[in-house]
C-alpha atoms as a PDB file:
ATOM      1  CA  MET A   1       0.009  -0.115   0.276  1.00  0.00           C
ATOM      2  CA  GLY A   2       2.811   2.315   0.877  1.00  0.00           C
ATOM      3  CA  PHE A   3       0.935   4.409   3.676  1.00  0.00           C
ATOM      4  CA  PHE A   4       2.150   2.636   6.581  1.00  0.00           C
ATOM      5  CA  PRO A   5       5.245   1.244   7.731  1.00  0.00           C
ATOM      6  CA  PHE A   6       4.106  -2.132   8.417  1.00  0.00           C
ATOM      7  CA  LYS A   7       6.628  -5.361   7.349  1.00  0.00           C
ATOM      8  CA  ARG A   8       4.201  -7.687   5.640  1.00  0.00           C
ATOM      9  CA  ARG A   9       2.958 -10.818   7.854  1.00  0.00           C
ATOM     10  CA  LYS A  10       1.021 -13.484   7.844  1.00  0.00           C
ATOM     11  CA  ARG A  11      -1.593 -13.224  10.387  1.00  0.00           C
ATOM     12  CA  ALA A  12      -3.810 -10.369  11.079  1.00  0.00           C
ATOM     13  CA  ASP A  13      -3.685 -10.688  14.870  1.00  0.00           C
ATOM     14  CA  ASP A  14       0.050 -10.031  14.858  1.00  0.00           C
ATOM     15  CA  TYR A  15      -0.487  -6.344  13.297  1.00  0.00           C
ATOM     16  CA  ASP A  16      -0.184  -3.148  16.079  1.00  0.00           C
ATOM     17  CA  GLU A  17      -3.358  -1.440  15.498  1.00  0.00           C
ATOM     18  CA  LEU A  18      -4.108   1.212  13.499  1.00  0.00           C
ATOM     19  CA  GLY A  19      -2.968   4.315  14.471  1.00  0.00           C
ATOM     20  CA  PRO A  20      -5.406   6.686  16.909  1.00  0.00           C
ATOM     21  CA  GLY A  21      -5.875   9.520  14.293  1.00  0.00           C
ATOM     22  CA  LEU A  22      -6.628   7.477  12.112  1.00  0.00           C
ATOM     23  CA  TRP A  23      -8.996   5.311  14.062  1.00  0.00           C
ATOM     24  CA  GLU A  24     -10.582   8.264  15.255  1.00  0.00           C
ATOM     25  CA  SER A  25     -11.381   9.838  11.584  1.00  0.00           C
ATOM     26  CA  ALA A  26     -12.970   6.872  10.371  1.00  0.00           C
ATOM     27  CA  ARG A  27     -15.308   6.264  13.808  1.00  0.00           C
ATOM     28  CA  SER A  28     -16.084   9.590  13.892  1.00  0.00           C
ATOM     29  CA  GLY A  29     -20.393   9.996  13.547  1.00  0.00           C
ATOM     30  CA  ARG A  30     -20.631   5.965  12.408  1.00  0.00           C
ATOM     31  CA  PRO A  31     -22.823   4.540  14.995  1.00  0.00           C
ATOM     32  CA  ALA A  32     -21.501   1.138  13.977  1.00  0.00           C
ATOM     33  CA  LEU A  33     -18.087   1.784  15.246  1.00  0.00           C
ATOM     34  CA  SER A  34     -18.628   4.188  17.591  1.00  0.00           C
ATOM     35  CA  SER A  35     -20.757   1.554  19.644  1.00  0.00           C
ATOM     36  CA  LEU A  36     -17.782  -1.227  19.719  1.00  0.00           C
ATOM     37  CA  GLY A  37     -16.739  -2.279  23.073  1.00  0.00           C
ATOM     38  CA  ASP A  38     -12.804  -1.950  23.816  1.00  0.00           C
ATOM     39  CA  ASP A  39     -11.812  -5.422  22.712  1.00  0.00           C
ATOM     40  CA  ASP A  40     -14.281  -5.452  19.669  1.00  0.00           C
ATOM     41  CA  ALA A  41     -12.605  -1.665  18.626  1.00  0.00           C
ATOM     42  CA  ALA A  42      -9.108  -3.212  19.357  1.00  0.00           C
ATOM     43  CA  ALA A  43      -9.574  -6.240  17.210  1.00  0.00           C
ATOM     44  CA  LEU A  44     -10.863  -3.760  14.318  1.00  0.00           C
ATOM     45  CA  ARG A  45      -7.854  -1.708  14.370  1.00  0.00           C
ATOM     46  CA  ARG A  46      -5.768  -4.620  14.005  1.00  0.00           C
ATOM     47  CA  LEU A  47      -7.933  -5.874  11.514  1.00  0.00           C
ATOM     48  CA  ALA A  48      -7.885  -2.882   9.490  1.00  0.00           C
ATOM     49  CA  ALA A  49      -3.802  -2.268   9.379  1.00  0.00           C
ATOM     50  CA  TRP A  50      -3.562  -5.761   8.044  1.00  0.00           C
ATOM     51  CA  PHE A  51      -5.997  -4.609   5.357  1.00  0.00           C
ATOM     52  CA  VAL A  52      -4.371  -1.976   4.288  1.00  0.00           C
ATOM     53  CA  ASP A  53      -0.861  -3.464   4.259  1.00  0.00           C
ATOM     54  CA  THR A  54      -1.969  -6.213   2.314  1.00  0.00           C
ATOM     55  CA  LYS A  55      -4.317  -5.080  -0.354  1.00  0.00           C
ATOM     56  CA  ASP A  56      -3.620  -2.677  -3.099  1.00  0.00           C
ATOM     57  CA  PHE A  57      -5.231   0.465  -3.384  1.00  0.00           C
ATOM     58  CA  VAL A  58      -5.299   1.955  -6.598  1.00  0.00           C
ATOM     59  CA  PRO A  59      -6.627   5.189  -7.578  1.00  0.00           C
ATOM     60  CA  ILE A  60      -8.388   5.700 -10.810  1.00  0.00           C
ATOM     61  CA  GLY A  61      -9.960   8.163 -13.313  1.00  0.00           C
ATOM     62  CA  GLY A  62      -7.799  10.965 -12.104  1.00  0.00           C
ATOM     63  CA  SER A  63      -8.831  10.153  -8.065  1.00  0.00           C
ATOM     64  CA  SER A  64      -6.365  11.027  -5.304  1.00  0.00           C
ATOM     65  CA  LEU A  65      -6.167   8.959  -2.152  1.00  0.00           C
ATOM     66  CA  ARG A  66      -5.211  10.059   1.129  1.00  0.00           C
ATOM     67  CA  GLU A  67      -3.944   8.225   3.972  1.00  0.00           C
ATOM     68  CA  SER A  68      -7.352   8.830   6.071  1.00  0.00           C
ATOM     69  CA  ASP A  69      -9.680   7.639   3.217  1.00  0.00           C
ATOM     70  CA  ALA A  70      -7.611   4.306   2.538  1.00  0.00           C
ATOM     71  CA  ALA A  71      -8.037   4.049   6.645  1.00  0.00           C
ATOM     72  CA  THR A  72     -11.545   4.397   6.295  1.00  0.00           C
ATOM     73  CA  ILE A  73     -12.103   1.948   3.402  1.00  0.00           C
ATOM     74  CA  ALA A  74     -10.420  -0.579   5.588  1.00  0.00           C
ATOM     75  CA  VAL A  75     -11.755  -0.040   8.585  1.00  0.00           C
ATOM     76  CA  LEU A  76     -15.416  -0.272   7.052  1.00  0.00           C
ATOM     77  CA  ALA A  77     -14.202  -3.732   4.901  1.00  0.00           C
ATOM     78  CA  CYS A  78     -13.134  -4.979   8.105  1.00  0.00           C
ATOM     79  CA  LEU A  79     -16.399  -4.598  10.195  1.00  0.00           C
ATOM     80  CA  PRO A  80     -18.310  -8.062   8.723  1.00  0.00           C
ATOM     81  CA  ILE A  81     -15.114  -9.774   9.173  1.00  0.00           C
ATOM     82  CA  LEU A  82     -14.037  -8.892  12.774  1.00  0.00           C
ATOM     83  CA  ARG A  83     -15.602 -12.083  14.148  1.00  0.00           C
ATOM     84  CA  LEU A  84     -15.271 -14.126  10.938  1.00  0.00           C
ATOM     85  CA  GLY A  85     -11.679 -13.787  10.609  1.00  0.00           C
ATOM     86  CA  ALA A  86      -9.018 -12.445   7.584  1.00  0.00           C
ATOM     87  CA  ALA A  87      -8.872 -15.498   6.104  1.00  0.00           C
ATOM     88  CA  TRP A  88     -12.412 -14.465   4.844  1.00  0.00           C
ATOM     89  CA  TYR A  89     -10.736 -11.948   2.605  1.00  0.00           C
ATOM     90  CA  ASP A  90      -7.599 -13.695   1.444  1.00  0.00           C
ATOM     91  CA  ASP A  91      -8.737 -14.602  -2.398  1.00  0.00           C
ATOM     92  CA  TRP A  92      -8.644 -11.250  -3.543  1.00  0.00           C
ATOM     93  CA  SER A  93      -6.061  -8.244  -3.402  1.00  0.00           C
ATOM     94  CA  THR A  94      -7.151  -4.991  -5.161  1.00  0.00           C
ATOM     95  CA  ILE A  95      -9.434  -2.005  -4.366  1.00  0.00           C
ATOM     96  CA  LEU A  96      -9.550   0.441  -7.148  1.00  0.00           C
ATOM     97  CA  VAL A  97     -10.903   3.863  -6.135  1.00  0.00           C
ATOM     98  CA  ALA A  98     -13.008   6.064  -8.365  1.00  0.00           C
ATOM     99  CA  PRO A  99     -13.609   9.480  -7.920  1.00  0.00           C
ATOM    100  CA  ASP A 100     -16.870   9.820  -8.347  1.00  0.00           C
ATOM    101  CA  GLY A 101     -19.783   7.096  -9.500  1.00  0.00           C
ATOM    102  CA  PHE A 102     -19.098   5.198 -12.629  1.00  0.00           C
ATOM    103  CA  VAL A 103     -20.909   4.055 -15.473  1.00  0.00           C
ATOM    104  CA  HIS A 104     -21.496   0.329 -16.127  1.00  0.00           C
ATOM    105  CA  SER A 105     -22.905  -1.124 -19.297  1.00  0.00           C
ATOM    106  CA  MET A 106     -25.285  -4.022 -18.388  1.00  0.00           C
ATOM    107  CA  THR A 107     -28.111  -6.119 -20.413  1.00  0.00           C
ATOM    108  CA  SER A 108     -31.037  -7.769 -19.212  1.00  0.00           C
ATOM    109  CA  VAL A 109     -33.327 -10.566 -20.498  1.00  0.00           C
ATOM    110  CA  ASP A 110     -36.970 -10.647 -19.862  1.00  0.00           C
ATOM    111  CA  ALA A 111     -39.251 -13.274 -19.317  1.00  0.00           C
ATOM    112  CA  ALA A 112     -40.015 -12.835 -23.191  1.00  0.00           C
ATOM    113  CA  GLY A 113     -36.548 -13.072 -24.111  1.00  0.00           C
ATOM    114  CA  VAL A 114     -35.801  -9.478 -25.101  1.00  0.00           C
ATOM    115  CA  VAL A 115     -32.264  -8.532 -24.436  1.00  0.00           C
ATOM    116  CA  THR A 116     -31.939  -4.841 -23.378  1.00  0.00           C
ATOM    117  CA  GLU A 117     -28.385  -3.095 -23.092  1.00  0.00           C
ATOM    118  CA  TYR A 118     -28.177  -0.226 -20.798  1.00  0.00           C
ATOM    119  CA  GLU A 119     -25.859   1.824 -18.775  1.00  0.00           C
ATOM    120  CA  ASP A 120     -25.680   2.432 -15.152  1.00  0.00           C
ATOM    121  CA  GLU A 121     -24.543   4.569 -12.537  1.00  0.00           C
ATOM    122  CA  LEU A 122     -23.086   2.539  -9.835  1.00  0.00           C
ATOM    123  CA  SER A 123     -21.152   3.433  -6.268  1.00  0.00           C
ATOM    124  CA  GLY A 124     -19.458   0.065  -5.842  1.00  0.00           C
ATOM    125  CA  ARG A 125     -18.579  -3.028  -8.161  1.00  0.00           C
ATOM    126  CA  VAL A 126     -17.416  -6.422  -7.651  1.00  0.00           C
ATOM    127  CA  THR A 127     -15.695  -7.959 -10.231  1.00  0.00           C
ATOM    128  CA  GLU A 128     -15.688 -12.165  -9.642  1.00  0.00           C
ATOM    129  CA  LEU A 129     -12.455 -13.334  -7.509  1.00  0.00           C
ATOM    130  CA  GLY A 130     -10.703 -10.055  -8.936  1.00  0.00           C
ATOM    131  CA  PRO A 131     -10.847  -6.268  -7.796  1.00  0.00           C
ATOM    132  CA  VAL A 132     -13.285  -4.466  -5.777  1.00  0.00           C
ATOM    133  CA  ILE A 133     -14.190  -0.965  -7.370  1.00  0.00           C
ATOM    134  CA  LEU A 134     -15.392   1.963  -5.024  1.00  0.00           C
ATOM    135  CA  SER A 135     -16.813   5.379  -5.827  1.00  0.00           C
ATOM    136  CA  LEU A 136     -14.516   7.649  -3.101  1.00  0.00           C
ATOM    137  CA  PRO A 137     -17.738  10.072  -2.283  1.00  0.00           C
ATOM    138  CA  ASP A 138     -20.061   7.283  -1.592  1.00  0.00           C
ATOM    139  CA  VAL A 139     -17.292   5.422   0.484  1.00  0.00           C
ATOM    140  CA  LEU A 140     -17.197   8.904   2.902  1.00  0.00           C
ATOM    141  CA  GLY A 141     -20.777   9.045   2.639  1.00  0.00           C
ATOM    142  CA  SER A 142     -20.960   5.466   4.017  1.00  0.00           C
ATOM    143  CA  GLY A 143     -21.868   4.245   7.925  1.00  0.00           C
ATOM    144  CA  PHE A 144     -23.755   7.230   9.276  1.00  0.00           C
ATOM    145  CA  GLY A 145     -26.625   5.304  10.284  1.00  0.00           C
ATOM    146  CA  ASP A 146     -29.067   5.524   7.804  1.00  0.00           C
ATOM    147  CA  GLY A 147     -28.365   2.176   6.374  1.00  0.00           C
ATOM    148  CA  TYR A 148     -26.468   3.050   3.455  1.00  0.00           C
ATOM    149  CA  ASN A 149     -22.898   1.512   3.442  1.00  0.00           C
ATOM    150  CA  VAL A 150     -21.261   0.930  -0.311  1.00  0.00           C
ATOM    151  CA  VAL A 151     -17.995  -0.944   1.387  1.00  0.00           C
ATOM    152  CA  VAL A 152     -20.026  -3.452   3.548  1.00  0.00           C
ATOM    153  CA  HIS A 153     -22.194  -3.672   0.669  1.00  0.00           C
ATOM    154  CA  GLU A 154     -19.266  -4.610  -1.549  1.00  0.00           C
ATOM    155  CA  MET A 155     -17.442  -6.745   1.177  1.00  0.00           C
ATOM    156  CA  ALA A 156     -20.923  -8.765   1.355  1.00  0.00           C
ATOM    157  CA  HIS A 157     -20.619  -9.758  -2.453  1.00  0.00           C
ATOM    158  CA  LYS A 158     -17.120 -10.991  -1.849  1.00  0.00           C
ATOM    159  CA  LEU A 159     -18.284 -13.172   1.121  1.00  0.00           C
ATOM    160  CA  ASP A 160     -20.900 -14.469  -0.972  1.00  0.00           C
ATOM    161  CA  GLU A 161     -18.416 -15.797  -3.606  1.00  0.00           C
ATOM    162  CA  ARG A 162     -16.362 -17.479  -1.041  1.00  0.00           C
ATOM    163  CA  ASP A 163     -18.129 -20.631  -2.487  1.00  0.00           C
ATOM    164  CA  GLY A 164     -17.959 -19.671  -6.008  1.00  0.00           C
ATOM    165  CA  ALA A 165     -21.507 -18.657  -6.422  1.00  0.00           C
ATOM    166  CA  LEU A 166     -22.325 -15.092  -6.093  1.00  0.00           C
ATOM    167  CA  ASP A 167     -26.087 -16.094  -5.375  1.00  0.00           C
ATOM    168  CA  GLY A 168     -26.759 -14.557  -1.520  1.00  0.00           C
ATOM    169  CA  CYS A 169     -25.844 -17.460  -0.085  1.00  0.00           C
ATOM    170  CA  PRO A 170     -21.974 -17.358   1.556  1.00  0.00           C
ATOM    171  CA  PRO A 171     -20.525 -20.046   3.102  1.00  0.00           C
ATOM    172  CA  LEU A 172     -22.109 -20.878   6.348  1.00  0.00           C
ATOM    173  CA  PRO A 173     -21.018 -21.873   9.916  1.00  0.00           C
ATOM    174  CA  ARG A 174     -22.254 -25.313  11.309  1.00  0.00           C
ATOM    175  CA  SER A 175     -24.843 -23.626  13.462  1.00  0.00           C
ATOM    176  CA  ILE A 176     -26.792 -22.129  10.348  1.00  0.00           C
ATOM    177  CA  GLY A 177     -28.450 -25.033   8.085  1.00  0.00           C
ATOM    178  CA  ARG A 178     -28.698 -23.935   4.294  1.00  0.00           C
ATOM    179  CA  ARG A 179     -32.454 -24.592   3.820  1.00  0.00           C
ATOM    180  CA  ALA A 180     -33.382 -22.425   6.736  1.00  0.00           C
ATOM    181  CA  TRP A 181     -31.168 -19.771   4.840  1.00  0.00           C
ATOM    182  CA  ARG A 182     -32.818 -19.904   1.734  1.00  0.00           C
ATOM    183  CA  GLU A 183     -36.607 -19.903   3.066  1.00  0.00           C
ATOM    184  CA  ALA A 184     -35.738 -16.904   5.551  1.00  0.00           C
ATOM    185  CA  PHE A 185     -33.864 -14.939   2.227  1.00  0.00           C
ATOM    186  CA  GLU A 186     -36.644 -16.031  -0.214  1.00  0.00           C
ATOM    187  CA  ALA A 187     -39.451 -15.151   1.902  1.00  0.00           C
ATOM    188  CA  ALA A 188     -38.011 -11.860   2.674  1.00  0.00           C
ATOM    189  CA  TYR A 189     -36.830 -10.779  -0.994  1.00  0.00           C
ATOM    190  CA  GLY A 190     -40.361 -11.968  -2.530  1.00  0.00           C
ATOM    191  CA  ASP A 191     -42.014  -9.913   0.403  1.00  0.00           C
ATOM    192  CA  PHE A 192     -39.434  -6.863  -0.641  1.00  0.00           C
ATOM    193  CA  LEU A 193     -40.504  -7.122  -4.131  1.00  0.00           C
ATOM    194  CA  GLY A 194     -44.110  -6.837  -3.482  1.00  0.00           C
ATOM    195  CA  ARG A 195     -43.625  -4.039  -1.294  1.00  0.00           C
ATOM    196  CA  VAL A 196     -41.476  -2.332  -4.358  1.00  0.00           C
ATOM    197  CA  GLU A 197     -44.266  -3.067  -6.419  1.00  0.00           C
ATOM    198  CA  ARG A 198     -46.958  -1.582  -4.467  1.00  0.00           C
ATOM    199  CA  GLY A 199     -44.397   1.304  -3.700  1.00  0.00           C
ATOM    200  CA  ALA A 200     -44.588   2.402  -7.164  1.00  0.00           C
ATOM    201  CA  LYS A 201     -48.193   2.281  -7.413  1.00  0.00           C
ATOM    202  CA  ARG A 202     -48.580   4.635  -4.521  1.00  0.00           C
ATOM    203  CA  ALA A 203     -45.473   6.644  -6.221  1.00  0.00           C
ATOM    204  CA  ARG A 204     -48.024   6.701  -9.243  1.00  0.00           C
ATOM    205  CA  LEU A 205     -50.906   7.732  -7.275  1.00  0.00           C
ATOM    206  CA  LYS A 206     -48.893  10.395  -5.542  1.00  0.00           C
ATOM    207  CA  ARG A 207     -48.519   8.866  -2.166  1.00  0.00           C
ATOM    208  CA  SER A 208     -46.017   8.261   0.119  1.00  0.00           C
ATOM    209  CA  SER A 209     -44.185   4.735   0.660  1.00  0.00           C
ATOM    210  CA  ARG A 210     -41.580   4.032   2.661  1.00  0.00           C
ATOM    211  CA  LEU A 211     -39.536   0.611   2.094  1.00  0.00           C
ATOM    212  CA  PRO A 212     -37.214  -0.942   4.921  1.00  0.00           C
ATOM    213  CA  LEU A 213     -34.044  -1.622   2.805  1.00  0.00           C
ATOM    214  CA  ASP A 214     -32.846   0.797   0.019  1.00  0.00           C
ATOM    215  CA  GLU A 215     -34.476  -0.226  -3.654  1.00  0.00           C
ATOM    216  CA  TYR A 216     -31.281  -1.701  -5.404  1.00  0.00           C
ATOM    217  CA  ALA A 217     -32.004  -4.701  -2.953  1.00  0.00           C
ATOM    218  CA  ALA A 218     -35.273  -5.536  -5.652  1.00  0.00           C
ATOM    219  CA  GLU A 219     -32.417  -6.151  -8.058  1.00  0.00           C
ATOM    220  CA  SER A 220     -31.778 -10.149  -7.591  1.00  0.00           C
ATOM    221  CA  PRO A 221     -31.093 -11.922  -4.608  1.00  0.00           C
ATOM    222  CA  GLU A 222     -27.437 -11.436  -4.068  1.00  0.00           C
ATOM    223  CA  GLU A 223     -28.475  -7.842  -4.026  1.00  0.00           C
ATOM    224  CA  PHE A 224     -31.018  -8.499  -1.657  1.00  0.00           C
ATOM    225  CA  PHE A 225     -28.271 -10.149   0.452  1.00  0.00           C
ATOM    226  CA  ALA A 226     -26.087  -7.520   0.027  1.00  0.00           C
ATOM    227  CA  VAL A 227     -28.509  -4.458   1.130  1.00  0.00           C
ATOM    228  CA  ALA A 228     -29.452  -6.517   3.858  1.00  0.00           C
ATOM    229  CA  CYS A 229     -25.851  -6.814   5.346  1.00  0.00           C
ATOM    230  CA  GLU A 230     -24.993  -2.922   5.075  1.00  0.00           C
ATOM    231  CA  THR A 231     -28.547  -2.176   6.733  1.00  0.00           C
ATOM    232  CA  PHE A 232     -27.855  -4.946   9.439  1.00  0.00           C
ATOM    233  CA  PHE A 233     -24.584  -2.887  10.530  1.00  0.00           C
ATOM    234  CA  ASP A 234     -25.801   0.499   9.997  1.00  0.00           C
ATOM    235  CA  ALA A 235     -29.571   0.335  10.570  1.00  0.00           C
ATOM    236  CA  PRO A 236     -29.880  -2.796  12.298  1.00  0.00           C
ATOM    237  CA  ALA A 237     -33.497  -1.915  13.866  1.00  0.00           C
ATOM    238  CA  ARG A 238     -34.760  -1.197  10.533  1.00  0.00           C
ATOM    239  CA  LEU A 239     -33.775  -4.578   9.452  1.00  0.00           C
ATOM    240  CA  GLU A 240     -35.334  -6.404  12.721  1.00  0.00           C
ATOM    241  CA  ARG A 241     -38.356  -4.350  12.415  1.00  0.00           C
ATOM    242  CA  ALA A 242     -39.146  -5.751   8.775  1.00  0.00           C
ATOM    243  CA  TYR A 243     -37.168  -8.870   8.650  1.00  0.00           C
ATOM    244  CA  PRO A 244     -36.851 -10.587  12.107  1.00  0.00           C
ATOM    245  CA  ALA A 245     -35.751 -14.022  11.037  1.00  0.00           C
ATOM    246  CA  VAL A 246     -33.004 -12.540   8.096  1.00  0.00           C
ATOM    247  CA  PHE A 247     -31.772 -10.341  11.133  1.00  0.00           C
ATOM    248  CA  SER A 248     -31.377 -13.027  13.291  1.00  0.00           C
ATOM    249  CA  LEU A 249     -29.379 -15.348  10.373  1.00  0.00           C
ATOM    250  CA  LEU A 250     -27.308 -12.420   9.126  1.00  0.00           C
ATOM    251  CA  ARG A 251     -26.447 -11.864  13.364  1.00  0.00           C
ATOM    252  CA  GLU A 252     -25.394 -15.369  14.054  1.00  0.00           C
ATOM    253  CA  PHE A 253     -23.364 -15.784  10.805  1.00  0.00           C
ATOM    254  CA  PHE A 254     -21.373 -12.518  11.144  1.00  0.00           C
ATOM    255  CA  SER A 255     -20.526 -13.807  14.903  1.00  0.00           C
ATOM    256  CA  GLY A 256     -18.937 -16.541  13.246  1.00  0.00           C
ATOM    257  CA  GLY A 257     -21.273 -19.387  14.569  1.00  0.00           C
ATOM    258  CA  GLN A 258     -20.678 -18.490  17.996  1.00  0.00           C
ATOM    259  CA  GLY A 259     -23.918 -16.770  18.704  1.00  0.00           C
ATOM    260  CA  ARG A 260     -22.571 -13.008  19.678  1.00  0.00           C
END
């Protein structure tokens, strides 16, 4: 990385904690970080130091990356693996940091087989078994308690694809049955699609409609999983009210199967 004078080591636990100034810069105003106990905060700071040292941060599109920006990305990225462990991120190494949202060409096929090509502006993207792309302004606007966290969202995709399939179901601990996971997430996803459809009708009638998750969760089961993850960390009460079964499963998953 070049920002930190650490000698590369194999174990995340061997790292000194991320410096206090960088930690405070990342933590300030972010409820999920500010609410951590001392032991968890220390563990997260070590993970973040490991992340900065072992991942390659590459500015693209004319962006400039400050030391504090890299530290913020690292802290937010390591929050989901606080109890899962660093090994969950050992199959990729590069983060591309863009100066703004970026346009991605996409293709969709409807039920009739009609192919539509379009461009979508994204704040983050995961390439399968490859780099993570993040928009720096969206990173800096993440984690402030409103349910939006692009870093956690993209890291959720990385966790999801650990078993080779980006399908909304990461490798699960023994304490979670795959069937129970599928049933809970499929039910929640189906319910959310219905809410989005009803919300669209209300919008046409100029009535207010508030969704429990970002509407992007309706894109696919894997996007529902990623949005649920960012909401779990950034607005947990909202997720628990809307989808308690999903909330309970994510709590168990991110505890590393320890029920914490």
